[in-house]
Amino acid sequence: MNPVLMSEKITIIFTTWTIAMLFLTGDENLEIFFVLLFIGVLIMRQLTDVYAPSTLKDRMSTFIYLFVIIFIVIVGQKIITILGL
């Protein structure tokens, strides 16, 4: 039996986190869903920093950059909504 790779473990955890957040937030509020996914990716990156190889860290950093862009868009939309522009 082959041991489970670190990248496979992270993929399983992230998939489980995504499904749990989808059930928690539902279809109505995608903004909260993406923010919770972003928080999950940040937590996974910090917890696996010691154990993950550099290629895996680079891939996770790519996801973090993507979620930072989505987070900036969400915050910008909320600011525009609040200011009524």
Protein backbone atom coordinates (compact mmCIF):
# COMPACT_ATOMS: atom_id res chain seq x y z
CA MET A 1 0.00 0.00 0.00
CA ASN A 2 1.39 3.38 -1.00
CA PRO A 3 1.66 6.15 1.57
CA VAL A 4 -0.49 9.21 0.96
CA LEU A 5 1.50 12.16 -0.34
CA MET A 6 1.37 15.55 1.40
CA SER A 7 -0.23 17.13 -1.68
CA GLU A 8 -2.96 14.47 -1.66
CA LYS A 9 -3.68 15.10 2.02
CA ILE A 10 -3.93 18.84 1.43
CA THR A 11 -6.23 18.26 -1.55
CA ILE A 12 -8.53 16.05 0.53
CA ILE A 13 -8.61 18.58 3.38
CA PHE A 14 -9.27 21.50 1.00
CA THR A 15 -12.04 19.59 -0.78
CA THR A 16 -13.65 18.73 2.55
CA TRP A 17 -13.35 22.36 3.69
CA THR A 18 -14.91 23.59 0.43
CA ILE A 19 -17.87 21.21 0.67
CA ALA A 20 -18.42 22.08 4.35
CA MET A 21 -18.36 25.83 3.60
CA LEU A 22 -20.72 25.35 0.65
CA PHE A 23 -23.24 23.61 2.90
CA LEU A 24 -22.72 26.20 5.63
CA THR A 25 -23.19 29.30 3.47
CA GLY A 26 -25.63 27.96 0.88
CA ASP A 27 -26.16 29.41 -2.56
CA GLU A 28 -27.24 32.88 -1.51
CA ASN A 29 -24.00 34.32 -0.17
CA LEU A 30 -21.01 33.61 -2.39
CA GLU A 31 -19.03 36.44 -0.82
CA ILE A 32 -18.93 34.75 2.59
CA PHE A 33 -18.18 31.44 0.86
CA PHE A 34 -15.08 32.87 -0.87
CA VAL A 35 -13.89 34.63 2.27
CA LEU A 36 -14.18 31.39 4.27
CA LEU A 37 -12.30 29.52 1.53
CA PHE A 38 -9.59 32.18 1.66
CA ILE A 39 -9.29 31.77 5.43
CA GLY A 40 -9.09 27.99 4.99
CA VAL A 41 -6.28 28.25 2.43
CA LEU A 42 -4.34 30.62 4.69
CA ILE A 43 -4.70 28.25 7.64
CA MET A 44 -3.64 25.24 5.57
CA ARG A 45 -0.61 27.11 4.25
CA GLN A 46 0.53 27.98 7.75
CA LEU A 47 -0.08 24.51 9.19
CA THR A 48 1.74 22.71 6.35
CA ASP A 49 4.60 25.18 5.98
CA VAL A 50 7.10 23.01 7.84
CA TYR A 51 6.15 19.73 6.14
CA ALA A 52 5.38 20.74 2.55
CA PRO A 53 8.02 20.79 -0.18
CA SER A 54 8.74 24.08 -1.94
CA THR A 55 6.80 23.13 -5.10
CA LEU A 56 3.67 22.51 -3.04
CA LYS A 57 4.19 25.80 -1.18
CA ASP A 58 4.41 27.61 -4.52
CA ARG A 59 1.16 26.05 -5.71
CA MET A 60 -0.58 27.01 -2.47
CA SER A 61 0.79 30.54 -2.79
CA THR A 62 -0.80 30.75 -6.24
CA PHE A 63 -4.18 29.94 -4.68
CA ILE A 64 -3.56 32.54 -1.99
CA TYR A 65 -2.82 35.22 -4.60
CA LEU A 66 -5.99 34.28 -6.46
CA PHE A 67 -8.09 34.51 -3.30
CA VAL A 68 -6.48 37.85 -2.37
CA ILE A 69 -7.66 39.25 -5.71
CA ILE A 70 -11.17 37.87 -5.13
CA PHE A 71 -11.14 39.29 -1.60
CA ILE A 72 -10.13 42.75 -2.89
CA VAL A 73 -12.98 42.66 -5.42
CA ILE A 74 -15.49 41.68 -2.71
CA VAL A 75 -14.30 44.42 -0.34
CA GLY A 76 -14.36 46.96 -3.18
CA GLN A 77 -17.94 46.02 -4.05
CA LYS A 78 -18.99 46.33 -0.42
CA ILE A 79 -17.37 49.77 -0.13
CA ILE A 80 -19.11 50.93 -3.29
CA THR A 81 -22.43 49.60 -1.97
CA ILE A 82 -21.99 51.31 1.40
CA LEU A 83 -20.99 54.63 -0.15
CA GLY A 84 -23.81 54.41 -2.67
CA LEU A 85 -21.65 55.16 -5.69
